[in-house]
Amino acid sequence: MSALAQEHPDVSFVWIDIEDYPDLIGDEDIENFPTILIEQNGVARFAGTILPHIEHLERLIAAMRDSSSQQNTELPDVRDLLIRLADTD
């Protein structure tokens, strides 16, 4: 993931173990792993399971840059929750 982060310095990559932080996903059910969430400005652009290959994530990031689509989820603003969580540590 660090190589991907270097290729996309304007994107934040965070690995979250939802068993440690279940409140981050609200009432959404995670059915398979890995589940990827891509947020932009507090809006979920993509939330779903992808195959664990870096090439798939690279294509997904590229598609998000070229599209204004978003997914309708009940997910909270995870970035905001992570910032608040870091402030309390």
C-alpha atoms as a PDB file:
ATOM      1  CA  MET A   1       0.000   0.000   0.000  1.00  0.00           C
ATOM      2  CA  SER A   2       2.926   2.373   0.581  1.00  0.00           C
ATOM      3  CA  ALA A   3       3.921   2.167  -3.106  1.00  0.00           C
ATOM      4  CA  LEU A   4       0.383   3.097  -4.116  1.00  0.00           C
ATOM      5  CA  ALA A   5       0.414   5.999  -1.652  1.00  0.00           C
ATOM      6  CA  GLN A   6       3.629   7.293  -3.243  1.00  0.00           C
ATOM      7  CA  GLU A   7       1.995   7.168  -6.690  1.00  0.00           C
ATOM      8  CA  HIS A   8      -1.016   9.120  -5.390  1.00  0.00           C
ATOM      9  CA  PRO A   9       0.280  11.674  -2.858  1.00  0.00           C
ATOM     10  CA  ASP A  10      -3.091  13.467  -2.870  1.00  0.00           C
ATOM     11  CA  VAL A  11      -4.887  10.338  -1.610  1.00  0.00           C
ATOM     12  CA  SER A  12      -4.878   9.037   1.966  1.00  0.00           C
ATOM     13  CA  PHE A  13      -4.731   5.295   2.497  1.00  0.00           C
ATOM     14  CA  VAL A  14      -5.730   3.909   5.873  1.00  0.00           C
ATOM     15  CA  TRP A  15      -5.978   0.270   6.928  1.00  0.00           C
ATOM     16  CA  ILE A  16      -8.748  -0.160   9.482  1.00  0.00           C
ATOM     17  CA  ASP A  17      -9.555  -3.383  11.285  1.00  0.00           C
ATOM     18  CA  ILE A  18     -13.310  -3.090  11.738  1.00  0.00           C
ATOM     19  CA  GLU A  19     -13.191  -5.589  14.575  1.00  0.00           C
ATOM     20  CA  ASP A  20     -11.182  -2.989  16.508  1.00  0.00           C
ATOM     21  CA  TYR A  21     -13.298  -0.007  15.361  1.00  0.00           C
ATOM     22  CA  PRO A  22     -16.834  -1.225  14.579  1.00  0.00           C
ATOM     23  CA  ASP A  23     -18.334   2.247  15.102  1.00  0.00           C
ATOM     24  CA  LEU A  24     -16.576   3.534  11.985  1.00  0.00           C
ATOM     25  CA  ILE A  25     -18.988   1.711   9.678  1.00  0.00           C
ATOM     26  CA  GLY A  26     -22.234   2.462  11.450  1.00  0.00           C
ATOM     27  CA  ASP A  27     -25.029   0.030  10.589  1.00  0.00           C
ATOM     28  CA  GLU A  28     -23.479  -1.151   7.296  1.00  0.00           C
ATOM     29  CA  ASP A  29     -22.739  -4.880   7.077  1.00  0.00           C
ATOM     30  CA  ILE A  30     -19.325  -5.986   5.874  1.00  0.00           C
ATOM     31  CA  GLU A  31     -19.821  -9.325   4.155  1.00  0.00           C
ATOM     32  CA  ASN A  32     -16.426  -9.999   2.561  1.00  0.00           C
ATOM     33  CA  PHE A  33     -12.828  -8.869   2.809  1.00  0.00           C
ATOM     34  CA  PRO A  34     -11.104  -6.780   1.753  1.00  0.00           C
ATOM     35  CA  THR A  35     -13.804  -4.145   1.621  1.00  0.00           C
ATOM     36  CA  ILE A  36     -12.699  -0.809   0.225  1.00  0.00           C
ATOM     37  CA  LEU A  37     -14.224   2.577   0.975  1.00  0.00           C
ATOM     38  CA  ILE A  38     -13.331   5.567  -1.175  1.00  0.00           C
ATOM     39  CA  GLU A  39     -14.585   8.872   0.184  1.00  0.00           C
ATOM     40  CA  GLN A  40     -14.296  12.305  -1.330  1.00  0.00           C
ATOM     41  CA  ASN A  41     -15.359  15.373   0.629  1.00  0.00           C
ATOM     42  CA  GLY A  42     -17.231  13.210   3.130  1.00  0.00           C
ATOM     43  CA  VAL A  43     -19.218  11.390   0.426  1.00  0.00           C
ATOM     44  CA  ALA A  44     -18.809   7.672  -0.262  1.00  0.00           C
ATOM     45  CA  ARG A  45     -17.763   7.352  -3.901  1.00  0.00           C
ATOM     46  CA  PHE A  46     -17.254   3.585  -3.674  1.00  0.00           C
ATOM     47  CA  ALA A  47     -17.850   1.003  -0.974  1.00  0.00           C
ATOM     48  CA  GLY A  48     -17.462  -2.648  -1.781  1.00  0.00           C
ATOM     49  CA  THR A  49     -15.342  -5.741  -1.968  1.00  0.00           C
ATOM     50  CA  ILE A  50     -12.543  -6.022  -4.511  1.00  0.00           C
ATOM     51  CA  LEU A  51     -10.011  -8.719  -5.223  1.00  0.00           C
ATOM     52  CA  PRO A  52      -6.819  -8.237  -3.177  1.00  0.00           C
ATOM     53  CA  HIS A  53      -4.648  -7.154  -6.111  1.00  0.00           C
ATOM     54  CA  ILE A  54      -3.039  -3.718  -6.224  1.00  0.00           C
ATOM     55  CA  GLU A  55      -3.866  -3.400  -9.933  1.00  0.00           C
ATOM     56  CA  HIS A  56      -7.591  -3.539  -9.140  1.00  0.00           C
ATOM     57  CA  LEU A  57      -7.272  -0.731  -6.620  1.00  0.00           C
ATOM     58  CA  GLU A  58      -5.204   1.334  -9.062  1.00  0.00           C
ATOM     59  CA  ARG A  59      -7.923   0.997 -11.727  1.00  0.00           C
ATOM     60  CA  LEU A  60     -10.602   1.865  -9.183  1.00  0.00           C
ATOM     61  CA  ILE A  61      -8.753   5.037  -8.144  1.00  0.00           C
ATOM     62  CA  ALA A  62      -8.319   6.026 -11.789  1.00  0.00           C
ATOM     63  CA  ALA A  63     -12.019   5.447 -12.464  1.00  0.00           C
ATOM     64  CA  MET A  64     -12.976   7.565  -9.447  1.00  0.00           C
ATOM     65  CA  ARG A  65     -10.834  10.429 -10.752  1.00  0.00           C
ATOM     66  CA  ASP A  66     -12.627  10.273 -14.125  1.00  0.00           C
ATOM     67  CA  SER A  67     -16.149  10.020 -12.719  1.00  0.00           C
ATOM     68  CA  SER A  68     -18.471  11.959 -10.483  1.00  0.00           C
ATOM     69  CA  SER A  69     -20.473   8.878  -9.491  1.00  0.00           C
ATOM     70  CA  GLN A  70     -21.102   8.094  -5.861  1.00  0.00           C
ATOM     71  CA  GLN A  71     -22.662   5.271  -3.905  1.00  0.00           C
ATOM     72  CA  ASN A  72     -25.651   5.689  -1.664  1.00  0.00           C
ATOM     73  CA  THR A  73     -24.652   4.161   1.675  1.00  0.00           C
ATOM     74  CA  GLU A  74     -25.416   4.680   5.319  1.00  0.00           C
ATOM     75  CA  LEU A  75     -21.692   4.981   6.049  1.00  0.00           C
ATOM     76  CA  PRO A  76     -20.700   7.887   8.240  1.00  0.00           C
ATOM     77  CA  ASP A  77     -17.931  10.271   7.179  1.00  0.00           C
ATOM     78  CA  VAL A  78     -15.119   7.841   8.047  1.00  0.00           C
ATOM     79  CA  ARG A  79     -12.365  10.418   7.518  1.00  0.00           C
ATOM     80  CA  ASP A  80     -14.000  12.732  10.052  1.00  0.00           C
ATOM     81  CA  LEU A  81     -14.425   9.859  12.520  1.00  0.00           C
ATOM     82  CA  LEU A  82     -10.744   8.900  12.143  1.00  0.00           C
ATOM     83  CA  ILE A  83      -9.659  12.479  12.785  1.00  0.00           C
ATOM     84  CA  ARG A  84     -11.800  12.659  15.916  1.00  0.00           C
ATOM     85  CA  LEU A  85     -10.507   9.257  17.048  1.00  0.00           C
ATOM     86  CA  ALA A  86      -6.899  10.440  16.604  1.00  0.00           C
ATOM     87  CA  ASP A  87      -7.618  13.585  18.605  1.00  0.00           C
ATOM     88  CA  THR A  88      -8.777  11.497  21.573  1.00  0.00           C
ATOM     89  CA  ASP A  89      -5.675   9.245  21.648  1.00  0.00           C
END
